[in-house]
Amino acid sequence: MSYTVVFFDLETTGLDTRNCDIIQIAAVCGMADFNAYIVPRCEITREANGITGFSVANGVLFRHGVAMPTMPLQQALSSFLDFLSSLPEPVYLAAHNASRFDAPVLDRVLKEFSLLQRFQRVVSNYLDTFLLSKRMFSNFYSYSLKYMVEYFLGKTFDAHNALEDARMLQELFQKWRPGGSAVYKSLI
């Protein structure tokens, strides 16, 4: 069976999947990409600021002190769904740690804006590349995206920028060339 894998990532205001807000949503599929920044509706935690470099001042979103172009969350989600709809189905939406973080956050916010059913018509499954990496490779001391990229690709990158994370995840997946069985077992 053939399928389209879209690699995506979220940057958020914190790590609590029940109430964090999306600051950046990005995705890549081959040469096509999507990237949107959003001024969050709640405060960015100190921990998230330290990890991502995002901050808000006077209603403007900054990353490492540089103002970012933003759009309203509902518009960003709708544009994201338009991007996904433009790709050949079935679509698997892949993220590193999708099951524990990205999928619950995205599903919650899509539901809040009554977009979950539209999403489910386009996306067949989530694929968790963290689980995939643990299935394919044993005895690593870390399965973080940063470590996997350094180990398999010999690269460093702008981690915690959702677009760069998605690009690196796509490169990793292409390097790993996982079989259909490993992919199937990593769907959530």
Protein backbone atom coordinates (compact mmCIF):
# COMPACT_ATOMS: atom_id res chain seq x y z
CA MET A 1 0.00 0.00 0.00
CA SER A 2 1.33 3.44 -0.81
CA TYR A 3 0.86 6.43 1.44
CA THR A 4 2.09 9.98 1.81
CA VAL A 5 4.12 10.78 4.92
CA VAL A 6 3.97 14.39 6.05
CA PHE A 7 6.49 15.32 8.73
CA PHE A 8 5.30 17.97 11.17
CA ASP A 9 6.14 19.63 14.44
CA LEU A 10 4.56 21.99 16.93
CA GLU A 11 6.20 24.55 19.17
CA THR A 12 3.99 25.39 22.13
CA THR A 13 3.71 27.55 25.22
CA GLY A 14 4.50 24.61 27.50
CA LEU A 15 4.39 20.85 27.88
CA ASP A 16 0.92 20.35 29.37
CA THR A 17 -1.01 18.84 26.47
CA ARG A 18 -4.32 19.78 28.13
CA ASN A 19 -3.81 23.54 27.94
CA CYS A 20 -0.65 24.61 26.11
CA ASP A 21 -1.14 26.78 23.06
CA ILE A 22 0.47 26.41 19.64
CA ILE A 23 3.11 29.03 18.78
CA GLN A 24 4.37 27.44 15.54
CA ILE A 25 3.07 24.66 13.32
CA ALA A 26 5.15 23.40 10.42
CA ALA A 27 5.15 20.47 8.02
CA VAL A 28 7.17 19.13 5.11
CA CYS A 29 6.42 16.60 2.41
CA GLY A 30 9.18 16.24 -0.15
CA MET A 31 9.93 19.76 -1.37
CA ALA A 32 6.56 21.17 -0.22
CA ASP A 33 6.40 22.83 3.15
CA PHE A 34 4.04 24.70 5.46
CA ASN A 35 4.97 27.05 8.30
CA ALA A 36 2.83 29.32 10.47
CA TYR A 37 3.52 31.34 13.61
CA ILE A 38 0.76 32.23 16.04
CA VAL A 39 0.64 34.70 18.92
CA PRO A 40 -0.41 32.38 21.76
CA ARG A 41 -3.52 32.97 23.83
CA CYS A 42 -1.73 32.12 27.07
CA GLU A 43 1.67 32.85 28.57
CA ILE A 44 4.76 31.02 27.37
CA THR A 45 6.28 29.13 30.30
CA ARG A 46 9.83 29.96 31.34
CA GLU A 47 10.87 26.43 30.36
CA ALA A 48 9.32 26.72 26.88
CA ASN A 49 10.92 30.13 26.39
CA GLY A 50 14.31 28.68 27.35
CA ILE A 51 13.95 25.77 24.94
CA THR A 52 12.34 27.49 21.94
CA GLY A 53 13.44 31.12 22.25
CA PHE A 54 9.86 32.31 21.72
CA SER A 55 8.51 35.27 23.69
CA VAL A 56 5.64 37.72 23.37
CA ALA A 57 5.78 41.46 24.00
CA ASN A 58 2.99 43.94 23.28
CA GLY A 59 1.09 41.33 21.25
CA VAL A 60 4.08 40.57 19.00
CA LEU A 61 5.70 37.11 18.81
CA PHE A 62 9.49 37.03 18.91
CA ARG A 63 11.96 34.19 18.42
CA HIS A 64 15.39 34.95 19.84
CA GLY A 65 14.47 38.64 19.77
CA VAL A 66 13.33 38.71 16.13
CA ALA A 67 9.68 39.59 15.42
CA MET A 68 7.89 36.78 13.58
CA PRO A 69 5.02 37.18 11.07
CA THR A 70 1.92 35.69 12.68
CA MET A 71 -1.65 34.74 11.86
CA PRO A 72 -4.65 33.85 14.02
CA LEU A 73 -4.69 30.25 15.25
CA GLN A 74 -7.87 29.32 13.39
CA GLN A 75 -6.44 30.65 10.13
CA ALA A 76 -3.18 28.76 10.71
CA LEU A 77 -5.06 25.50 11.33
CA SER A 78 -7.28 25.99 8.29
CA SER A 79 -4.24 26.74 6.11
CA PHE A 80 -2.52 23.65 7.51
CA LEU A 81 -5.53 21.53 6.54
CA ASP A 82 -5.47 23.09 3.04
CA PHE A 83 -1.79 22.09 2.77
CA LEU A 84 -2.55 18.51 3.87
CA SER A 85 -5.53 18.31 1.49
CA SER A 86 -3.28 19.18 -1.45
CA LEU A 87 -1.25 15.98 -0.98
CA PRO A 88 -2.00 12.46 -2.29
CA GLU A 89 -4.01 10.34 0.13
CA PRO A 90 -3.75 8.44 2.36
CA VAL A 91 -1.74 10.86 4.52
CA TYR A 92 0.23 9.75 7.56
CA LEU A 93 1.15 12.70 9.75
CA ALA A 94 4.52 11.96 11.36
CA ALA A 95 6.03 13.64 14.42
CA HIS A 96 8.75 12.69 16.86
CA ASN A 97 6.77 11.82 20.01
CA ALA A 98 3.41 12.22 18.27
CA SER A 99 1.59 9.87 20.63
CA ARG A 100 2.52 11.67 23.84
CA PHE A 101 2.60 15.28 22.67
CA ASP A 102 1.95 16.53 19.12
CA ALA A 103 -1.16 14.45 18.38
CA PRO A 104 -3.01 15.23 21.65
CA VAL A 105 -2.26 18.96 21.34
CA LEU A 106 -3.22 19.19 17.67
CA ASP A 107 -6.39 17.11 18.13
CA ARG A 108 -7.49 19.24 21.10
CA VAL A 109 -7.02 22.52 19.25
CA LEU A 110 -8.63 21.23 16.04
CA LYS A 111 -11.63 20.10 18.08
CA GLU A 112 -11.83 23.51 19.77
CA PHE A 113 -12.23 25.17 16.34
CA SER A 114 -14.56 22.44 14.97
CA LEU A 115 -11.90 21.33 12.47
CA LEU A 116 -11.24 17.79 13.75
CA GLN A 117 -13.66 16.07 11.36
CA ARG A 118 -12.15 17.89 8.37
CA PHE A 119 -8.69 16.81 9.60
CA GLN A 120 -9.82 13.19 9.99
CA ARG A 121 -11.08 13.14 6.38
CA VAL A 122 -7.56 14.04 5.20
CA VAL A 123 -5.22 12.34 7.68
CA SER A 124 -5.46 8.55 7.97
CA ASN A 125 -3.11 8.12 10.92
CA TYR A 126 -0.42 9.67 13.02
CA LEU A 127 3.02 8.08 12.79
CA ASP A 128 5.24 8.40 15.86
CA THR A 129 8.89 8.43 14.72
CA PHE A 130 10.08 8.29 18.34
CA LEU A 131 8.39 4.88 18.66
CA LEU A 132 9.68 3.94 15.20
CA SER A 133 13.27 4.77 16.18
CA LYS A 134 12.98 2.67 19.35
CA ARG A 135 11.64 -0.26 17.29
CA MET A 136 14.35 0.00 14.66
CA PHE A 137 17.40 0.75 16.83
CA SER A 138 18.22 -0.63 20.25
CA ASN A 139 20.67 0.46 22.92
CA PHE A 140 20.74 4.19 22.20
CA TYR A 141 21.16 6.33 25.29
CA SER A 142 18.82 8.91 23.73
CA TYR A 143 16.11 8.82 21.10
CA SER A 144 15.70 12.58 20.94
CA LEU A 145 15.42 14.14 17.50
CA LYS A 146 18.58 16.15 18.10
CA TYR A 147 20.59 13.02 18.99
CA MET A 148 19.16 10.97 16.11
CA VAL A 149 20.04 13.74 13.61
CA GLU A 150 23.58 14.02 14.98
CA TYR A 151 24.07 10.23 14.97
CA PHE A 152 22.51 9.31 11.62
CA LEU A 153 23.00 12.48 9.57
CA GLY A 154 26.09 13.98 11.22
CA LYS A 155 24.36 17.36 11.42
CA THR A 156 23.42 20.00 13.90
CA PHE A 157 20.36 22.14 13.22
CA ASP A 158 18.09 24.86 14.60
CA ALA A 159 16.27 22.52 16.99
CA HIS A 160 12.91 23.68 18.36
CA ASN A 161 12.14 25.59 15.21
CA ALA A 162 9.17 23.50 14.00
CA LEU A 163 10.06 23.82 10.31
CA GLU A 164 13.68 22.73 10.85
CA ASP A 165 12.55 19.88 13.12
CA ALA A 166 10.14 18.66 10.42
CA ARG A 167 12.83 18.89 7.73
CA MET A 168 15.32 16.92 9.82
CA LEU A 169 12.68 14.33 10.62
CA GLN A 170 12.01 13.83 6.91
CA GLU A 171 15.76 13.42 6.27
CA LEU A 172 16.03 10.88 9.09
CA PHE A 173 13.09 8.89 7.77
CA GLN A 174 14.65 8.82 4.30
CA LYS A 175 17.97 7.66 5.81
CA TRP A 176 16.29 4.96 7.91
CA ARG A 177 14.14 3.63 5.05
CA PRO A 178 11.82 1.79 7.44
CA GLY A 179 9.86 -1.17 6.16
CA GLY A 180 6.08 -1.14 6.01
CA SER A 181 5.80 -3.38 9.06
CA ALA A 182 7.86 -1.01 11.25
CA VAL A 183 5.82 1.96 10.01
CA TYR A 184 2.52 0.13 10.60
CA LYS A 185 3.54 -0.75 14.18
CA SER A 186 4.38 2.91 14.88
CA LEU A 187 0.99 4.29 13.84
CA ILE A 188 -1.16 5.66 16.62
